[in-house]
């Protein structure tokens, strides 16, 4: 157990930040799953719309420090490449 006021405060803050970051991660993952589901159906327009909705979520996670920029860029790039393949 913490003995100092500052360490007690850090514990309280950590609990709050963890909850917020888990929520952000959950939103990002669910938006990516929607894109995956749209790609699986083979509907290019629906997949493109889902990706368009997922991109701001991912980049918001980057700005908040939940996801690294390279990770978000890689996911967007790979999903957009798969969507382009649907047309061919």
N, C-alpha and C. Protein backbone atom coordinates (compact mmCIF):
# COMPACT_ATOMS: atom_id res chain seq x y z
N UNK A 1 0.84 -1.19 0.00
CA UNK A 1 0.00 0.00 0.00
C UNK A 1 0.89 1.25 0.00
N UNK A 2 0.41 2.28 -0.65
CA UNK A 2 1.19 3.51 -0.77
C UNK A 2 1.23 4.25 0.57
N UNK A 3 2.36 4.86 0.85
CA UNK A 3 2.54 5.59 2.11
C UNK A 3 2.55 7.10 1.92
N UNK A 4 2.77 7.57 0.71
CA UNK A 4 2.88 9.00 0.46
C UNK A 4 1.62 9.50 -0.27
N UNK A 5 1.31 10.77 -0.03
CA UNK A 5 0.14 11.36 -0.69
C UNK A 5 0.28 11.30 -2.20
N UNK A 6 1.48 11.60 -2.70
CA UNK A 6 1.68 11.62 -4.15
C UNK A 6 1.52 10.24 -4.76
N UNK A 7 1.99 9.21 -4.07
CA UNK A 7 1.84 7.86 -4.62
C UNK A 7 0.39 7.39 -4.55
N UNK A 8 -0.34 7.83 -3.52
CA UNK A 8 -1.77 7.51 -3.46
C UNK A 8 -2.52 8.16 -4.62
N UNK A 9 -2.14 9.40 -4.93
CA UNK A 9 -2.76 10.11 -6.05
C UNK A 9 -2.44 9.42 -7.37
N UNK A 10 -1.19 9.00 -7.54
CA UNK A 10 -0.79 8.30 -8.78
C UNK A 10 -1.62 7.03 -8.96
N UNK A 11 -1.88 6.33 -7.87
CA UNK A 11 -2.69 5.10 -7.95
C UNK A 11 -4.10 5.43 -8.42
N UNK A 12 -4.67 6.51 -7.86
CA UNK A 12 -6.02 6.91 -8.28
C UNK A 12 -6.04 7.31 -9.75
N UNK A 13 -5.04 8.07 -10.17
CA UNK A 13 -4.97 8.51 -11.56
C UNK A 13 -4.78 7.33 -12.51
N UNK A 14 -3.95 6.37 -12.11
CA UNK A 14 -3.69 5.21 -12.96
C UNK A 14 -4.97 4.42 -13.21
N UNK A 15 -5.78 4.26 -12.18
CA UNK A 15 -7.04 3.53 -12.32
C UNK A 15 -7.94 4.23 -13.33
N UNK A 16 -8.04 5.56 -13.22
CA UNK A 16 -8.89 6.33 -14.13
C UNK A 16 -8.36 6.25 -15.56
N UNK A 17 -7.05 6.46 -15.74
CA UNK A 17 -6.46 6.46 -17.08
C UNK A 17 -6.59 5.09 -17.74
N UNK A 18 -6.43 4.03 -16.94
CA UNK A 18 -6.55 2.68 -17.48
C UNK A 18 -7.95 2.44 -18.02
N UNK A 19 -8.96 2.90 -17.29
CA UNK A 19 -10.34 2.74 -17.75
C UNK A 19 -10.58 3.50 -19.04
N UNK A 20 -10.07 4.72 -19.13
CA UNK A 20 -10.26 5.54 -20.33
C UNK A 20 -9.55 4.90 -21.52
N UNK A 21 -8.32 4.43 -21.30
CA UNK A 21 -7.55 3.84 -22.39
C UNK A 21 -8.16 2.52 -22.86
N UNK A 22 -8.71 1.75 -21.95
CA UNK A 22 -9.39 0.51 -22.35
C UNK A 22 -10.60 0.82 -23.22
N UNK A 23 -11.33 1.84 -22.86
CA UNK A 23 -12.50 2.24 -23.65
C UNK A 23 -12.07 2.67 -25.05
N UNK A 24 -11.00 3.47 -25.13
CA UNK A 24 -10.50 3.90 -26.44
C UNK A 24 -10.06 2.70 -27.28
N UNK A 25 -9.34 1.77 -26.66
CA UNK A 25 -8.89 0.58 -27.38
C UNK A 25 -10.08 -0.23 -27.87
N UNK A 26 -11.11 -0.33 -27.06
CA UNK A 26 -12.31 -1.07 -27.42
C UNK A 26 -12.99 -0.44 -28.64
N UNK A 27 -13.08 0.89 -28.65
CA UNK A 27 -13.70 1.60 -29.77
C UNK A 27 -12.90 1.36 -31.05
N UNK A 28 -11.58 1.44 -30.94
CA UNK A 28 -10.71 1.23 -32.10
C UNK A 28 -10.87 -0.18 -32.64
N UNK A 29 -10.82 -1.17 -31.75
CA UNK A 29 -10.91 -2.56 -32.17
C UNK A 29 -12.26 -2.86 -32.83
N UNK A 30 -13.34 -2.33 -32.26
CA UNK A 30 -14.66 -2.59 -32.83
C UNK A 30 -14.81 -1.94 -34.20
N UNK A 31 -14.22 -0.75 -34.38
CA UNK A 31 -14.30 -0.11 -35.70
C UNK A 31 -13.50 -0.90 -36.73
N UNK A 32 -12.37 -1.47 -36.32
CA UNK A 32 -11.58 -2.30 -37.24
C UNK A 32 -12.32 -3.60 -37.57
N UNK A 33 -13.03 -4.14 -36.59
CA UNK A 33 -13.80 -5.36 -36.84
C UNK A 33 -14.93 -5.11 -37.84
N UNK A 34 -15.51 -3.91 -37.79
CA UNK A 34 -16.55 -3.56 -38.75
C UNK A 34 -15.99 -3.53 -40.17
N UNK A 35 -14.77 -3.00 -40.31
CA UNK A 35 -14.12 -2.98 -41.62
C UNK A 35 -13.85 -4.40 -42.09
N UNK A 36 -13.34 -5.24 -41.19
CA UNK A 36 -13.06 -6.64 -41.53
C UNK A 36 -14.33 -7.36 -41.98
N UNK A 37 -15.43 -7.11 -41.27
CA UNK A 37 -16.69 -7.75 -41.61
C UNK A 37 -17.19 -7.29 -42.98
N UNK A 38 -17.02 -6.01 -43.27
CA UNK A 38 -17.45 -5.49 -44.57
C UNK A 38 -16.59 -6.07 -45.69
N UNK A 39 -15.31 -6.24 -45.44
CA UNK A 39 -14.43 -6.86 -46.45
C UNK A 39 -14.83 -8.32 -46.66
N UNK A 40 -15.18 -9.00 -45.57
CA UNK A 40 -15.57 -10.41 -45.67
C UNK A 40 -16.83 -10.60 -46.51
N UNK A 41 -17.75 -9.62 -46.47
CA UNK A 41 -18.96 -9.74 -47.27
C UNK A 41 -18.68 -9.50 -48.75
N UNK A 42 -17.58 -8.80 -49.03
CA UNK A 42 -17.21 -8.53 -50.42
C UNK A 42 -17.81 -7.26 -50.97
N UNK A 43 -18.48 -6.50 -50.14
CA UNK A 43 -19.09 -5.25 -50.56
C UNK A 43 -18.05 -4.13 -50.46
N UNK A 44 -17.57 -3.66 -51.60
CA UNK A 44 -16.50 -2.67 -51.62
C UNK A 44 -16.96 -1.34 -51.04
N UNK A 45 -18.16 -0.90 -51.37
CA UNK A 45 -18.65 0.39 -50.89
C UNK A 45 -18.81 0.39 -49.37
N UNK A 46 -19.38 -0.68 -48.83
CA UNK A 46 -19.57 -0.77 -47.38
C UNK A 46 -18.22 -0.82 -46.67
N UNK A 47 -17.27 -1.53 -47.25
CA UNK A 47 -15.94 -1.64 -46.66
C UNK A 47 -15.23 -0.28 -46.68
N UNK A 48 -15.37 0.45 -47.76
CA UNK A 48 -14.74 1.76 -47.86
C UNK A 48 -15.35 2.73 -46.85
N UNK A 49 -16.66 2.67 -46.69
CA UNK A 49 -17.33 3.53 -45.70
C UNK A 49 -16.89 3.17 -44.28
N UNK A 50 -16.78 1.88 -44.01
CA UNK A 50 -16.35 1.45 -42.67
C UNK A 50 -14.92 1.90 -42.39
N UNK A 51 -14.06 1.83 -43.41
CA UNK A 51 -12.68 2.28 -43.23
C UNK A 51 -12.63 3.79 -43.03
N UNK A 52 -13.48 4.50 -43.75
CA UNK A 52 -13.55 5.96 -43.61
C UNK A 52 -13.97 6.35 -42.19
N UNK A 53 -14.82 5.53 -41.57
CA UNK A 53 -15.25 5.78 -40.19
C UNK A 53 -14.19 5.34 -39.18
N UNK A 54 -13.40 4.32 -39.54
CA UNK A 54 -12.41 3.78 -38.61
C UNK A 54 -11.14 4.64 -38.54
N UNK A 55 -10.81 5.31 -39.64
CA UNK A 55 -9.57 6.10 -39.67
C UNK A 55 -9.52 7.18 -38.59
N UNK A 56 -10.56 7.99 -38.40
CA UNK A 56 -10.50 9.00 -37.33
C UNK A 56 -10.36 8.38 -35.94
N UNK A 57 -10.99 7.22 -35.73
CA UNK A 57 -10.88 6.54 -34.44
C UNK A 57 -9.43 6.14 -34.18
N UNK A 58 -8.80 5.56 -35.20
CA UNK A 58 -7.40 5.15 -35.07
C UNK A 58 -6.49 6.34 -34.81
N UNK A 59 -6.66 7.39 -35.58
CA UNK A 59 -5.80 8.56 -35.42
C UNK A 59 -6.06 9.28 -34.09
N UNK A 60 -7.27 9.20 -33.60
CA UNK A 60 -7.57 9.74 -32.28
C UNK A 60 -6.80 8.96 -31.22
N UNK A 61 -6.75 7.65 -31.40
CA UNK A 61 -5.96 6.81 -30.50
C UNK A 61 -4.49 7.15 -30.54
N UNK A 62 -4.00 7.51 -31.73
CA UNK A 62 -2.60 7.92 -31.88
C UNK A 62 -2.35 9.21 -31.11
N UNK A 63 -3.23 10.18 -31.26
CA UNK A 63 -3.04 11.46 -30.60
C UNK A 63 -3.15 11.34 -29.09
N UNK A 64 -3.91 10.36 -28.61
CA UNK A 64 -4.06 10.16 -27.17
C UNK A 64 -2.99 9.23 -26.60
N UNK A 65 -2.17 8.65 -27.46
CA UNK A 65 -1.07 7.80 -27.00
C UNK A 65 -1.45 6.37 -26.73
N UNK A 66 -2.61 5.94 -27.21
CA UNK A 66 -3.05 4.56 -26.99
C UNK A 66 -2.45 3.64 -28.05
N UNK A 67 -2.31 4.15 -29.27
CA UNK A 67 -1.77 3.39 -30.40
C UNK A 67 -0.61 4.20 -30.98
N UNK A 68 0.42 3.49 -31.43
CA UNK A 68 1.53 4.20 -32.06
C UNK A 68 1.17 4.54 -33.49
N UNK A 69 1.79 5.60 -33.99
CA UNK A 69 1.50 6.09 -35.33
C UNK A 69 1.79 5.03 -36.39
N UNK A 70 2.90 4.34 -36.28
CA UNK A 70 3.25 3.31 -37.26
C UNK A 70 2.25 2.18 -37.30
N UNK A 71 1.77 1.80 -36.13
CA UNK A 71 0.77 0.73 -36.05
C UNK A 71 -0.53 1.15 -36.74
N UNK A 72 -0.98 2.36 -36.46
CA UNK A 72 -2.22 2.85 -37.07
C UNK A 72 -2.06 2.97 -38.58
N UNK A 73 -0.93 3.50 -39.02
CA UNK A 73 -0.69 3.66 -40.46
C UNK A 73 -0.65 2.31 -41.15
N UNK A 74 -0.01 1.34 -40.52
CA UNK A 74 0.08 -0.01 -41.10
C UNK A 74 -1.30 -0.64 -41.24
N UNK A 75 -2.11 -0.51 -40.19
CA UNK A 75 -3.45 -1.10 -40.24
C UNK A 75 -4.30 -0.46 -41.33
N UNK A 76 -4.26 0.87 -41.42
CA UNK A 76 -5.03 1.57 -42.45
C UNK A 76 -4.55 1.17 -43.84
N UNK A 77 -3.24 1.10 -44.01
CA UNK A 77 -2.68 0.76 -45.31
C UNK A 77 -3.09 -0.64 -45.75
N UNK A 78 -2.98 -1.58 -44.85
CA UNK A 78 -3.31 -2.97 -45.19
C UNK A 78 -4.80 -3.14 -45.47
N UNK A 79 -5.64 -2.47 -44.69
CA UNK A 79 -7.08 -2.56 -44.93
C UNK A 79 -7.46 -1.91 -46.25
N UNK A 80 -6.86 -0.76 -46.56
CA UNK A 80 -7.19 -0.10 -47.83
C UNK A 80 -6.70 -0.92 -49.01
N UNK A 81 -5.58 -1.61 -48.86
CA UNK A 81 -5.09 -2.48 -49.93
C UNK A 81 -6.05 -3.64 -50.15
N UNK A 82 -6.59 -4.20 -49.07
CA UNK A 82 -7.55 -5.29 -49.20
C UNK A 82 -8.84 -4.82 -49.84
N UNK A 83 -9.24 -3.58 -49.54
CA UNK A 83 -10.46 -3.03 -50.14
C UNK A 83 -10.26 -2.81 -51.63
N UNK A 84 -9.07 -2.34 -52.02
CA UNK A 84 -8.78 -2.15 -53.44
C UNK A 84 -8.81 -3.46 -54.20
N UNK A 85 -8.40 -4.54 -53.56
CA UNK A 85 -8.41 -5.86 -54.21
C UNK A 85 -9.84 -6.33 -54.49
N UNK A 86 -10.80 -5.86 -53.69
CA UNK A 86 -12.18 -6.29 -53.88
C UNK A 86 -12.70 -5.90 -55.26
N UNK A 87 -12.24 -4.79 -55.78
CA UNK A 87 -12.71 -4.32 -57.10
C UNK A 87 -12.20 -5.21 -58.21
N UNK A 88 -11.00 -5.74 -58.04
CA UNK A 88 -10.37 -6.54 -59.10
C UNK A 88 -10.95 -7.93 -59.21
